[in-house]
Amino acid sequence: ELHAVNSILAAIGQAPVNRIFNPEDKTLVFINPEVSFAYQLLQEVNVDVQNEGWVFNREDRYPLTPNSIGEIHIPQNMLRMDISDGQIWRTSDVIKRDGKLYDRMHHTYTFKGTIYFDIVWKFPFEDLPSVFKRYITMRAAGRAATQMVANSELTQLLSSQEAQLRAACMEYEANQGDYNFMGFPAGSVYQTYQPAKTLAR
């Protein structure tokens, strides 16, 4: 995060800092308002980007099981959730409320069994793939330049770099996701046609 904050500060012509956390108690330490602003932008953009749902933070058919009193508590780092496999339950309508799963149709927090969800998680900035760290940093820098520096050329330059990094993220998504237009589900095996196999017959 320190490197990312310094990159944002450099983009708007501010001097770098040597720390943003107190080494003794790990609390945030901001030398000036610009550092605090850059850090907050980094956190906001981090959430915005991860909320889109990428291969590294998206998990399908994740089980949520009721506790001893029938309540299902939602993990704090969950950004989005949807019932798995495209199911549409006409007997219940579940949402997140007060940190727990709530059935709007029956007006209750109590559930009888495990429910499977497709979930988008929020991970710390340090745990993200490097290409996403760079994209988030550049996107935050562009937002900082827009809000703090009245320089249209700088904003345009940062936007161009942001678009390039966005394309790199999409390449990462396509490579890691192993998607196919036939719609084979995850966990199945499909061998694509290989022309070289014809010559080996």
Foldseek 3Di string as FASTA:
>chain_A
DLVLLCLLCVLQPHHGDDDQADPPPRHGDDPDVSSVLLVVLLVVLLLVVLLVPFPVFKDWFDKFWADPQQWTFADPQWNDKDFHPPDDDPPFDWDDDPRTIATPVVGDRGDDGITTITTRGRDDLVPDPPLVNVLSSLVSSLVCCVVPPPDVVSNVVSVVVNVVSVVVRVVVRCVVVVDDPVPDDPPDDDDDDDVVVVVVD
